[in-house]
Amino acid sequence: MHCTSIYFFVHPSIINQMAKKLDYEISSKIKDFLSKQTQTKTITDISRSLDIGRNSVAKHLELLKMQGLVEERSVGQAKLWSLTATPFDSDKFGLSIRDRNGRHIYSYGAKALSKFGFDEATFQGKTTSEALGENYQDVDEAALRAIETEQLSICHRFYESKRNKAKVVQYFFPNYDNNGKLTGTISFASISDTN
């Protein structure tokens, strides 16, 4: 028997593109699988159903979790996974609408708020510093800056309560009514656990 070796040079950017495509395809398969389930699934359930290695499934679930697209729930030793209904039904994101004085009219993100022991009523009709104390005045200043300048304003800070501490990035956008009149801000918050 005679063997011949042939070597090909593949540019690293092509390998990176192939890896990204593969990663995207696995993540897509996992999201698609979970979207068709009526109950939460373990990593083993997902791995066996999709014929994808357990370690790959675990890695992709963690990446999807960081994006707020899936959620994990522990029951005993088992980790159960499901799709997040919407990003704002996640413990990673929140939404708030404020009036021209920076007071919360509407807050959405019960899972995110509950991590800190808060709920929508905590902020209703109040500024953040009125609800949580003067240490949070910078959040209100960022909201008011968006109203005054009619430009995006961003606030990076740690939120802390007896229950949790997390880095929160809030993006404040000017909010307008149907007639183009400035009514306050709409803000999106992204929450990163530090525990």
N, C-alpha and C. Protein backbone atom coordinates (compact mmCIF):
# COMPACT_ATOMS: atom_id res chain seq x y z
N MET A 1 0.84 -1.16 0.00
CA MET A 1 0.00 0.00 0.00
C MET A 1 0.89 1.23 0.00
N HIS A 2 0.52 2.20 -0.78
CA HIS A 2 1.29 3.41 -0.91
C HIS A 2 0.41 4.58 -0.46
N CYS A 3 0.95 5.42 0.44
CA CYS A 3 0.19 6.57 0.95
C CYS A 3 0.86 7.84 0.49
N THR A 4 0.07 8.78 0.11
CA THR A 4 0.57 10.08 -0.27
C THR A 4 -0.09 11.11 0.62
N SER A 5 0.69 12.02 1.12
CA SER A 5 0.13 13.09 1.96
C SER A 5 0.04 14.35 1.13
N ILE A 6 -1.08 15.00 1.24
CA ILE A 6 -1.27 16.28 0.56
C ILE A 6 -1.61 17.30 1.65
N TYR A 7 -0.90 18.41 1.66
CA TYR A 7 -1.14 19.44 2.67
C TYR A 7 -1.79 20.64 2.01
N PHE A 8 -2.77 21.20 2.70
CA PHE A 8 -3.43 22.41 2.24
C PHE A 8 -3.20 23.49 3.29
N PHE A 9 -2.96 24.69 2.83
CA PHE A 9 -2.88 25.82 3.75
C PHE A 9 -4.25 26.50 3.75
N VAL A 10 -4.81 26.62 4.93
CA VAL A 10 -6.09 27.31 5.07
C VAL A 10 -5.82 28.56 5.90
N HIS A 11 -6.18 29.68 5.34
CA HIS A 11 -5.96 30.95 6.03
C HIS A 11 -6.73 30.96 7.35
N PRO A 12 -6.12 31.49 8.44
CA PRO A 12 -6.78 31.50 9.76
C PRO A 12 -8.14 32.19 9.76
N SER A 13 -8.33 33.22 8.92
CA SER A 13 -9.63 33.91 8.90
C SER A 13 -10.74 32.99 8.40
N ILE A 14 -10.39 32.07 7.49
CA ILE A 14 -11.39 31.11 7.00
C ILE A 14 -11.74 30.12 8.10
N ILE A 15 -10.73 29.69 8.86
CA ILE A 15 -11.00 28.78 9.98
C ILE A 15 -11.89 29.48 11.00
N ASN A 16 -11.59 30.76 11.30
CA ASN A 16 -12.43 31.52 12.24
C ASN A 16 -13.85 31.64 11.74
N GLN A 17 -14.03 31.91 10.44
CA GLN A 17 -15.37 32.01 9.88
C GLN A 17 -16.11 30.69 9.99
N MET A 18 -15.40 29.60 9.74
CA MET A 18 -16.03 28.28 9.83
C MET A 18 -16.44 28.00 11.28
N ALA A 19 -15.59 28.36 12.24
CA ALA A 19 -15.90 28.13 13.64
C ALA A 19 -17.09 28.98 14.07
N LYS A 20 -17.12 30.24 13.62
CA LYS A 20 -18.25 31.10 13.96
C LYS A 20 -19.54 30.55 13.37
N LYS A 21 -19.48 30.08 12.12
CA LYS A 21 -20.66 29.53 11.49
C LYS A 21 -21.13 28.29 12.24
N LEU A 22 -20.20 27.44 12.60
CA LEU A 22 -20.53 26.23 13.35
C LEU A 22 -21.17 26.60 14.68
N ASP A 23 -20.56 27.57 15.39
CA ASP A 23 -21.11 27.99 16.67
C ASP A 23 -22.53 28.53 16.50
N TYR A 24 -22.72 29.35 15.48
CA TYR A 24 -24.03 29.92 15.23
C TYR A 24 -25.05 28.82 14.92
N GLU A 25 -24.64 27.83 14.14
CA GLU A 25 -25.54 26.74 13.78
C GLU A 25 -25.95 25.93 15.02
N ILE A 26 -25.00 25.67 15.92
CA ILE A 26 -25.33 24.93 17.13
C ILE A 26 -26.28 25.74 18.00
N SER A 27 -25.96 27.01 18.20
CA SER A 27 -26.83 27.87 19.00
C SER A 27 -28.23 27.94 18.41
N SER A 28 -28.31 28.05 17.09
CA SER A 28 -29.61 28.10 16.41
C SER A 28 -30.39 26.81 16.62
N LYS A 29 -29.71 25.68 16.52
CA LYS A 29 -30.38 24.39 16.73
C LYS A 29 -30.91 24.29 18.16
N ILE A 30 -30.13 24.74 19.12
CA ILE A 30 -30.56 24.69 20.52
C ILE A 30 -31.78 25.60 20.74
N LYS A 31 -31.71 26.82 20.21
CA LYS A 31 -32.86 27.74 20.37
C LYS A 31 -34.10 27.17 19.70
N ASP A 32 -33.94 26.62 18.50
CA ASP A 32 -35.07 26.04 17.78
C ASP A 32 -35.66 24.87 18.57
N PHE A 33 -34.81 24.00 19.11
CA PHE A 33 -35.26 22.86 19.89
C PHE A 33 -36.04 23.34 21.12
N LEU A 34 -35.48 24.29 21.86
CA LEU A 34 -36.15 24.78 23.07
C LEU A 34 -37.45 25.49 22.77
N SER A 35 -37.54 26.12 21.59
CA SER A 35 -38.77 26.83 21.23
C SER A 35 -39.95 25.88 21.02
N LYS A 36 -39.65 24.62 20.74
CA LYS A 36 -40.70 23.64 20.48
C LYS A 36 -41.06 22.83 21.73
N GLN A 37 -40.41 23.12 22.85
CA GLN A 37 -40.62 22.33 24.06
C GLN A 37 -41.67 22.99 24.96
N THR A 38 -42.45 22.17 25.63
CA THR A 38 -43.44 22.69 26.59
C THR A 38 -42.91 22.61 28.01
N GLN A 39 -41.80 21.90 28.21
CA GLN A 39 -41.18 21.79 29.53
C GLN A 39 -39.70 22.12 29.43
N THR A 40 -39.12 22.49 30.56
CA THR A 40 -37.69 22.76 30.59
C THR A 40 -36.92 21.47 30.32
N LYS A 41 -35.70 21.61 29.83
CA LYS A 41 -34.89 20.45 29.44
C LYS A 41 -33.50 20.53 30.09
N THR A 42 -32.93 19.37 30.38
CA THR A 42 -31.57 19.31 30.89
C THR A 42 -30.59 19.36 29.72
N ILE A 43 -29.33 19.60 30.02
CA ILE A 43 -28.30 19.59 28.99
C ILE A 43 -28.26 18.22 28.32
N THR A 44 -28.41 17.15 29.10
CA THR A 44 -28.41 15.79 28.54
C THR A 44 -29.58 15.60 27.58
N ASP A 45 -30.78 16.08 27.95
CA ASP A 45 -31.95 15.98 27.06
C ASP A 45 -31.65 16.66 25.72
N ILE A 46 -31.10 17.86 25.79
CA ILE A 46 -30.82 18.63 24.58
C ILE A 46 -29.74 17.94 23.76
N SER A 47 -28.68 17.50 24.43
CA SER A 47 -27.57 16.83 23.76
C SER A 47 -28.03 15.58 23.01
N ARG A 48 -28.82 14.75 23.67
CA ARG A 48 -29.29 13.52 23.03
C ARG A 48 -30.27 13.80 21.89
N SER A 49 -31.16 14.75 22.10
CA SER A 49 -32.16 15.06 21.06
C SER A 49 -31.53 15.64 19.80
N LEU A 50 -30.48 16.43 19.97
CA LEU A 50 -29.85 17.10 18.83
C LEU A 50 -28.60 16.38 18.33
N ASP A 51 -28.19 15.34 19.05
CA ASP A 51 -26.98 14.61 18.70
C ASP A 51 -25.77 15.56 18.64
N ILE A 52 -25.66 16.38 19.67
CA ILE A 52 -24.54 17.31 19.82
C ILE A 52 -23.89 16.99 21.17
N GLY A 53 -22.59 17.03 21.22
CA GLY A 53 -21.87 16.72 22.46
C GLY A 53 -22.35 17.55 23.64
N ARG A 54 -22.38 16.91 24.78
CA ARG A 54 -22.88 17.55 26.00
C ARG A 54 -22.09 18.82 26.34
N ASN A 55 -20.76 18.78 26.18
CA ASN A 55 -19.93 19.95 26.48
C ASN A 55 -20.23 21.11 25.53
N SER A 56 -20.46 20.80 24.26
CA SER A 56 -20.82 21.85 23.29
C SER A 56 -22.15 22.48 23.67
N VAL A 57 -23.12 21.64 24.01
CA VAL A 57 -24.44 22.16 24.40
C VAL A 57 -24.30 23.06 25.63
N ALA A 58 -23.53 22.62 26.62
CA ALA A 58 -23.35 23.41 27.85
C ALA A 58 -22.72 24.77 27.53
N LYS A 59 -21.69 24.77 26.67
CA LYS A 59 -21.01 26.01 26.29
C LYS A 59 -21.98 26.97 25.60
N HIS A 60 -22.75 26.43 24.66
CA HIS A 60 -23.68 27.29 23.91
C HIS A 60 -24.82 27.79 24.78
N LEU A 61 -25.29 26.96 25.70
CA LEU A 61 -26.34 27.42 26.61
C LEU A 61 -25.83 28.58 27.47
N GLU A 62 -24.61 28.49 27.94
CA GLU A 62 -24.04 29.59 28.74
C GLU A 62 -23.93 30.87 27.92
N LEU A 63 -23.51 30.74 26.66
CA LEU A 63 -23.43 31.92 25.78
C LEU A 63 -24.81 32.51 25.53
N LEU A 64 -25.79 31.65 25.28
CA LEU A 64 -27.17 32.12 25.07
C LEU A 64 -27.73 32.75 26.34
N LYS A 65 -27.36 32.22 27.48
CA LYS A 65 -27.81 32.77 28.76
C LYS A 65 -27.25 34.18 28.95
N MET A 66 -25.96 34.39 28.60
CA MET A 66 -25.35 35.71 28.73
C MET A 66 -26.05 36.73 27.83
N GLN A 67 -26.63 36.26 26.74
CA GLN A 67 -27.35 37.15 25.82
C GLN A 67 -28.79 37.36 26.26
N GLY A 68 -29.22 36.66 27.31
CA GLY A 68 -30.59 36.79 27.79
C GLY A 68 -31.60 36.02 26.97
N LEU A 69 -31.14 35.06 26.16
CA LEU A 69 -32.03 34.32 25.27
C LEU A 69 -32.55 33.02 25.87
N VAL A 70 -31.82 32.46 26.84
CA VAL A 70 -32.28 31.26 27.54
C VAL A 70 -32.12 31.49 29.03
N GLU A 71 -32.86 30.70 29.79
CA GLU A 71 -32.78 30.80 31.25
C GLU A 71 -32.52 29.43 31.83
N GLU A 72 -31.84 29.45 32.95
CA GLU A 72 -31.48 28.23 33.66
C GLU A 72 -32.18 28.24 35.02
N ARG A 73 -32.70 27.09 35.39
CA ARG A 73 -33.32 26.94 36.70
C ARG A 73 -32.77 25.66 37.31
N SER A 74 -32.30 25.75 38.54
CA SER A 74 -31.75 24.57 39.22
C SER A 74 -32.83 23.91 40.06
N VAL A 75 -32.94 22.60 39.89
CA VAL A 75 -33.84 21.79 40.71
C VAL A 75 -32.98 20.65 41.24
N GLY A 76 -32.62 20.74 42.52
CA GLY A 76 -31.68 19.77 43.07
C GLY A 76 -30.36 19.90 42.35
N GLN A 77 -29.85 18.79 41.84
CA GLN A 77 -28.58 18.79 41.10
C GLN A 77 -28.77 19.14 39.62
N ALA A 78 -30.01 19.05 39.14
CA ALA A 78 -30.28 19.25 37.72
C ALA A 78 -30.39 20.74 37.37
N LYS A 79 -29.85 21.10 36.20
CA LYS A 79 -30.03 22.42 35.64
C LYS A 79 -31.03 22.27 34.51
N LEU A 80 -32.12 23.02 34.60
CA LEU A 80 -33.17 22.95 33.58
C LEU A 80 -33.13 24.22 32.76
N TRP A 81 -33.25 24.05 31.44
CA TRP A 81 -33.10 25.17 30.51
C TRP A 81 -34.37 25.40 29.72
N SER A 82 -34.65 26.67 29.43
CA SER A 82 -35.78 27.03 28.57
C SER A 82 -35.44 28.35 27.87
N LEU A 83 -36.19 28.64 26.81
CA LEU A 83 -36.05 29.93 26.15
C LEU A 83 -36.61 31.00 27.06
N THR A 84 -36.04 32.19 26.98
CA THR A 84 -36.60 33.35 27.65
C THR A 84 -37.77 33.80 26.79
N ALA A 85 -38.91 34.09 27.42
CA ALA A 85 -40.09 34.50 26.66
C ALA A 85 -39.78 35.72 25.80
N THR A 86 -39.18 36.72 26.37
CA THR A 86 -38.67 37.89 25.65
C THR A 86 -37.43 38.33 26.40
N PRO A 87 -36.56 39.09 25.77
CA PRO A 87 -35.40 39.56 26.53
C PRO A 87 -35.80 40.32 27.79
N PHE A 88 -36.93 41.01 27.78
CA PHE A 88 -37.34 41.79 28.93
C PHE A 88 -38.04 40.93 29.98
N ASP A 89 -38.25 39.65 29.69
CA ASP A 89 -38.76 38.73 30.69
C ASP A 89 -37.58 37.97 31.29
N SER A 90 -36.41 38.54 31.14
CA SER A 90 -35.16 37.93 31.58
C SER A 90 -34.69 38.62 32.85
N ASP A 91 -33.78 37.99 33.56
CA ASP A 91 -33.19 38.65 34.72
C ASP A 91 -31.98 39.49 34.31
N LYS A 92 -31.78 39.65 33.01
CA LYS A 92 -30.63 40.40 32.49
C LYS A 92 -30.98 41.77 31.93
N PHE A 93 -32.27 42.07 31.74
CA PHE A 93 -32.66 43.31 31.08
C PHE A 93 -33.86 43.95 31.78
N GLY A 94 -33.97 45.25 31.63
CA GLY A 94 -35.11 45.98 32.15
C GLY A 94 -35.43 47.15 31.25
N LEU A 95 -36.61 47.68 31.42
CA LEU A 95 -37.09 48.81 30.61
C LEU A 95 -37.81 49.76 31.54
N SER A 96 -37.63 51.05 31.33
CA SER A 96 -38.31 52.04 32.16
C SER A 96 -38.68 53.24 31.31
N ILE A 97 -39.86 53.79 31.58
CA ILE A 97 -40.30 55.04 30.94
C ILE A 97 -40.41 56.07 32.05
N ARG A 98 -39.81 57.22 31.83
CA ARG A 98 -39.82 58.31 32.82
C ARG A 98 -40.48 59.55 32.22
N ASP A 99 -41.06 60.38 33.11
CA ASP A 99 -41.64 61.64 32.66
C ASP A 99 -40.53 62.69 32.53
N ARG A 100 -40.90 63.92 32.20
CA ARG A 100 -39.91 64.99 31.98
C ARG A 100 -39.14 65.36 33.24
N ASN A 101 -39.67 64.99 34.41
CA ASN A 101 -38.99 65.25 35.67
C ASN A 101 -38.12 64.08 36.12
N GLY A 102 -38.03 63.06 35.28
CA GLY A 102 -37.19 61.91 35.59
C GLY A 102 -37.84 60.88 36.51
N ARG A 103 -39.16 61.02 36.73
CA ARG A 103 -39.86 60.06 37.60
C ARG A 103 -40.37 58.88 36.76
N HIS A 104 -40.25 57.70 37.33
CA HIS A 104 -40.67 56.48 36.64
C HIS A 104 -42.20 56.46 36.47
N ILE A 105 -42.63 56.29 35.24
CA ILE A 105 -44.04 56.10 34.93
C ILE A 105 -44.32 54.62 34.83
N TYR A 106 -43.36 53.91 34.24
CA TYR A 106 -43.54 52.49 33.97
C TYR A 106 -42.18 51.80 34.04
N SER A 107 -42.12 50.67 34.72
CA SER A 107 -40.91 49.86 34.77
C SER A 107 -41.29 48.44 34.41
N TYR A 108 -40.49 47.81 33.57
CA TYR A 108 -40.75 46.43 33.18
C TYR A 108 -39.47 45.64 33.30
N GLY A 109 -39.58 44.47 33.84
CA GLY A 109 -38.43 43.60 34.03
C GLY A 109 -38.49 43.00 35.42
N ALA A 110 -39.63 42.39 35.74
CA ALA A 110 -39.87 41.87 37.09
C ALA A 110 -38.78 40.92 37.55
N LYS A 111 -38.27 40.07 36.66
CA LYS A 111 -37.23 39.12 37.06
C LYS A 111 -35.94 39.86 37.41
N ALA A 112 -35.61 40.87 36.63
CA ALA A 112 -34.41 41.65 36.92
C ALA A 112 -34.57 42.41 38.22
N LEU A 113 -35.71 43.05 38.41
CA LEU A 113 -35.95 43.82 39.63
C LEU A 113 -35.98 42.93 40.87
N SER A 114 -36.58 41.74 40.72
CA SER A 114 -36.73 40.85 41.88
C SER A 114 -35.38 40.33 42.39
N LYS A 115 -34.38 40.30 41.53
CA LYS A 115 -33.04 39.87 41.97
C LYS A 115 -32.52 40.77 43.09
N PHE A 116 -32.97 42.02 43.08
CA PHE A 116 -32.52 42.98 44.09
C PHE A 116 -33.53 43.15 45.23
N GLY A 117 -34.69 42.45 45.11
CA GLY A 117 -35.74 42.63 46.11
C GLY A 117 -36.66 43.78 45.77
N PHE A 118 -36.60 44.26 44.51
CA PHE A 118 -37.46 45.36 44.06
C PHE A 118 -38.60 44.79 43.23
N ASP A 119 -39.59 45.64 42.97
CA ASP A 119 -40.62 45.32 41.99
C ASP A 119 -40.99 46.63 41.28
N GLU A 120 -41.96 46.56 40.37
CA GLU A 120 -42.33 47.76 39.60
C GLU A 120 -42.80 48.89 40.52
N ALA A 121 -43.45 48.54 41.63
CA ALA A 121 -43.97 49.54 42.56
C ALA A 121 -42.86 50.29 43.29
N THR A 122 -41.67 49.70 43.39
CA THR A 122 -40.54 50.34 44.07
C THR A 122 -40.25 51.71 43.47
N PHE A 123 -40.36 51.82 42.15
CA PHE A 123 -39.97 53.04 41.45
C PHE A 123 -41.15 53.90 40.99
N GLN A 124 -42.34 53.37 41.03
CA GLN A 124 -43.52 54.06 40.48
C GLN A 124 -43.66 55.48 41.03
N GLY A 125 -43.62 56.47 40.12
CA GLY A 125 -43.79 57.88 40.50
C GLY A 125 -42.58 58.50 41.18
N LYS A 126 -41.46 57.80 41.20
CA LYS A 126 -40.27 58.30 41.89
C LYS A 126 -39.08 58.32 40.94
N THR A 127 -38.11 59.15 41.28
CA THR A 127 -36.82 59.06 40.61
C THR A 127 -36.08 57.88 41.24
N THR A 128 -34.99 57.47 40.61
CA THR A 128 -34.21 56.36 41.18
C THR A 128 -33.66 56.72 42.55
N SER A 129 -33.15 57.96 42.70
CA SER A 129 -32.59 58.36 44.00
C SER A 129 -33.68 58.49 45.06
N GLU A 130 -34.90 58.87 44.69
CA GLU A 130 -36.00 58.89 45.66
C GLU A 130 -36.34 57.48 46.12
N ALA A 131 -36.23 56.51 45.21
CA ALA A 131 -36.57 55.12 45.54
C ALA A 131 -35.44 54.42 46.30
N LEU A 132 -34.19 54.70 45.93
CA LEU A 132 -33.07 53.92 46.47
C LEU A 132 -32.08 54.71 47.31
N GLY A 133 -32.19 56.01 47.31
CA GLY A 133 -31.27 56.83 48.10
C GLY A 133 -30.40 57.70 47.21
N GLU A 134 -29.80 58.71 47.85
CA GLU A 134 -29.01 59.71 47.13
C GLU A 134 -27.79 59.14 46.41
N ASN A 135 -27.33 57.96 46.81
CA ASN A 135 -26.19 57.35 46.12
C ASN A 135 -26.48 57.07 44.65
N TYR A 136 -27.76 57.11 44.28
CA TYR A 136 -28.16 56.78 42.90
C TYR A 136 -28.52 58.04 42.09
N GLN A 137 -28.09 59.20 42.57
CA GLN A 137 -28.39 60.45 41.88
C GLN A 137 -27.80 60.49 40.47
N ASP A 138 -26.67 59.82 40.25
CA ASP A 138 -26.06 59.82 38.92
C ASP A 138 -26.98 59.19 37.87
N VAL A 139 -27.82 58.24 38.29
CA VAL A 139 -28.77 57.62 37.37
C VAL A 139 -29.80 58.67 36.93
N ASP A 140 -30.31 59.42 37.90
CA ASP A 140 -31.29 60.47 37.57
C ASP A 140 -30.66 61.56 36.71
N GLU A 141 -29.41 61.89 36.99
CA GLU A 141 -28.73 62.90 36.18
C GLU A 141 -28.59 62.45 34.73
N ALA A 142 -28.31 61.17 34.52
CA ALA A 142 -28.20 60.65 33.15
C ALA A 142 -29.57 60.73 32.45
N ALA A 143 -30.64 60.42 33.17
CA ALA A 143 -31.98 60.50 32.58
C ALA A 143 -32.31 61.95 32.22
N LEU A 144 -32.03 62.87 33.12
CA LEU A 144 -32.32 64.28 32.86
C LEU A 144 -31.44 64.84 31.74
N ARG A 145 -30.22 64.36 31.64
CA ARG A 145 -29.32 64.79 30.55
C ARG A 145 -29.92 64.40 29.19
N ALA A 146 -30.51 63.20 29.11
CA ALA A 146 -31.14 62.76 27.85
C ALA A 146 -32.33 63.66 27.51
N ILE A 147 -33.05 64.11 28.53
CA ILE A 147 -34.20 65.00 28.30
C ILE A 147 -33.72 66.38 27.86
N GLU A 148 -32.72 66.93 28.56
CA GLU A 148 -32.21 68.27 28.26
C GLU A 148 -31.55 68.37 26.89
N THR A 149 -30.78 67.35 26.54
CA THR A 149 -30.01 67.40 25.29
C THR A 149 -30.73 66.74 24.12
N GLU A 150 -31.77 65.97 24.45
CA GLU A 150 -32.48 65.16 23.45
C GLU A 150 -31.49 64.25 22.71
N GLN A 151 -30.54 63.72 23.48
CA GLN A 151 -29.52 62.81 22.97
C GLN A 151 -29.45 61.59 23.90
N LEU A 152 -28.90 60.50 23.38
CA LEU A 152 -28.65 59.32 24.19
C LEU A 152 -27.73 59.68 25.36
N SER A 153 -28.05 59.15 26.53
CA SER A 153 -27.21 59.31 27.71
C SER A 153 -27.04 57.92 28.33
N ILE A 154 -25.82 57.61 28.78
CA ILE A 154 -25.53 56.27 29.31
C ILE A 154 -25.00 56.39 30.73
N CYS A 155 -25.47 55.51 31.59
CA CYS A 155 -25.00 55.47 32.97
C CYS A 155 -24.49 54.06 33.29
N HIS A 156 -23.24 53.97 33.74
CA HIS A 156 -22.64 52.70 34.18
C HIS A 156 -22.52 52.78 35.69
N ARG A 157 -23.04 51.79 36.40
CA ARG A 157 -22.88 51.79 37.86
C ARG A 157 -23.21 50.43 38.44
N PHE A 158 -22.87 50.25 39.69
CA PHE A 158 -23.26 49.04 40.41
C PHE A 158 -24.52 49.34 41.20
N TYR A 159 -25.47 48.44 41.09
CA TYR A 159 -26.66 48.49 41.95
C TYR A 159 -26.43 47.46 43.04
N GLU A 160 -26.77 47.84 44.25
CA GLU A 160 -26.55 46.92 45.36
C GLU A 160 -27.73 46.97 46.31
N SER A 161 -28.14 45.79 46.76
CA SER A 161 -29.16 45.66 47.79
C SER A 161 -28.73 44.52 48.70
N LYS A 162 -29.54 44.22 49.68
CA LYS A 162 -29.23 43.10 50.58
C LYS A 162 -29.20 41.78 49.82
N ARG A 163 -29.92 41.71 48.71
CA ARG A 163 -30.03 40.45 47.94
C ARG A 163 -28.99 40.27 46.85
N ASN A 164 -28.54 41.38 46.26
CA ASN A 164 -27.71 41.22 45.06
C ASN A 164 -26.86 42.47 44.83
N LYS A 165 -25.77 42.25 44.09
CA LYS A 165 -24.94 43.35 43.59
C LYS A 165 -24.65 43.03 42.14
N ALA A 166 -24.85 44.00 41.27
CA ALA A 166 -24.62 43.76 39.85
C ALA A 166 -24.24 45.06 39.16
N LYS A 167 -23.48 44.91 38.07
CA LYS A 167 -23.17 46.07 37.22
C LYS A 167 -24.36 46.28 36.31
N VAL A 168 -24.82 47.52 36.25
CA VAL A 168 -25.97 47.87 35.42
C VAL A 168 -25.55 48.99 34.48
N VAL A 169 -25.81 48.78 33.20
CA VAL A 169 -25.59 49.83 32.20
C VAL A 169 -26.97 50.24 31.72
N GLN A 170 -27.27 51.53 31.89
CA GLN A 170 -28.58 52.04 31.46
C GLN A 170 -28.39 53.00 30.29
N TYR A 171 -29.23 52.80 29.28
CA TYR A 171 -29.22 53.64 28.08
C TYR A 171 -30.50 54.46 28.09
N PHE A 172 -30.37 55.78 28.23
CA PHE A 172 -31.53 56.67 28.28
C PHE A 172 -31.70 57.35 26.92
N PHE A 173 -32.89 57.18 26.35
CA PHE A 173 -33.22 57.81 25.07
C PHE A 173 -34.35 58.81 25.30
N PRO A 174 -34.32 59.95 24.59
CA PRO A 174 -35.46 60.85 24.69
C PRO A 174 -36.71 60.14 24.15
N ASN A 175 -37.84 60.37 24.77
CA ASN A 175 -39.10 59.72 24.38
C ASN A 175 -40.07 60.80 23.92
N TYR A 176 -40.71 60.58 22.80
CA TYR A 176 -41.62 61.57 22.20
C TYR A 176 -43.01 60.98 22.05
N ASP A 177 -44.02 61.86 22.11
CA ASP A 177 -45.38 61.39 21.84
C ASP A 177 -45.62 61.39 20.33
N ASN A 178 -46.84 61.07 19.92
CA ASN A 178 -47.17 60.98 18.48
C ASN A 178 -47.06 62.30 17.74
N ASN A 179 -47.08 63.41 18.47
CA ASN A 179 -46.97 64.74 17.85
C ASN A 179 -45.53 65.26 17.86
N GLY A 180 -44.60 64.44 18.29
CA GLY A 180 -43.20 64.85 18.32
C GLY A 180 -42.81 65.65 19.54
N LYS A 181 -43.67 65.70 20.54
CA LYS A 181 -43.38 66.45 21.77
C LYS A 181 -42.60 65.55 22.73
N LEU A 182 -41.51 66.09 23.28
CA LEU A 182 -40.69 65.36 24.24
C LEU A 182 -41.50 65.10 25.51
N THR A 183 -41.57 63.84 25.90
CA THR A 183 -42.36 63.48 27.10
C THR A 183 -41.50 62.98 28.25
N GLY A 184 -40.23 62.70 28.00
CA GLY A 184 -39.35 62.16 29.03
C GLY A 184 -38.34 61.23 28.41
N THR A 185 -38.07 60.09 29.06
CA THR A 185 -37.10 59.14 28.53
C THR A 185 -37.68 57.74 28.52
N ILE A 186 -37.08 56.94 27.68
CA ILE A 186 -37.27 55.50 27.75
C ILE A 186 -35.86 54.94 27.94
N SER A 187 -35.72 54.02 28.88
CA SER A 187 -34.38 53.49 29.13
C SER A 187 -34.38 51.98 29.10
N PHE A 188 -33.25 51.45 28.68
CA PHE A 188 -33.01 50.01 28.65
C PHE A 188 -31.83 49.75 29.58
N ALA A 189 -31.97 48.77 30.44
CA ALA A 189 -30.91 48.42 31.38
C ALA A 189 -30.41 47.02 31.09
N SER A 190 -29.11 46.85 31.09
CA SER A 190 -28.46 45.56 30.94
C SER A 190 -27.76 45.26 32.26
N ILE A 191 -28.05 44.08 32.83
CA ILE A 191 -27.57 43.72 34.15
C ILE A 191 -26.56 42.59 34.07
N SER A 192 -25.38 42.79 34.65
CA SER A 192 -24.34 41.77 34.69
C SER A 192 -24.04 41.42 36.13
N ASP A 193 -24.30 40.19 36.51
CA ASP A 193 -24.04 39.77 37.89
C ASP A 193 -22.55 39.87 38.21
N THR A 194 -22.26 40.23 39.46
CA THR A 194 -20.88 40.26 39.91
C THR A 194 -20.62 39.18 40.94
N ASN A 195 -21.66 38.44 41.32
CA ASN A 195 -21.51 37.37 42.34
C ASN A 195 -20.74 36.22 41.78
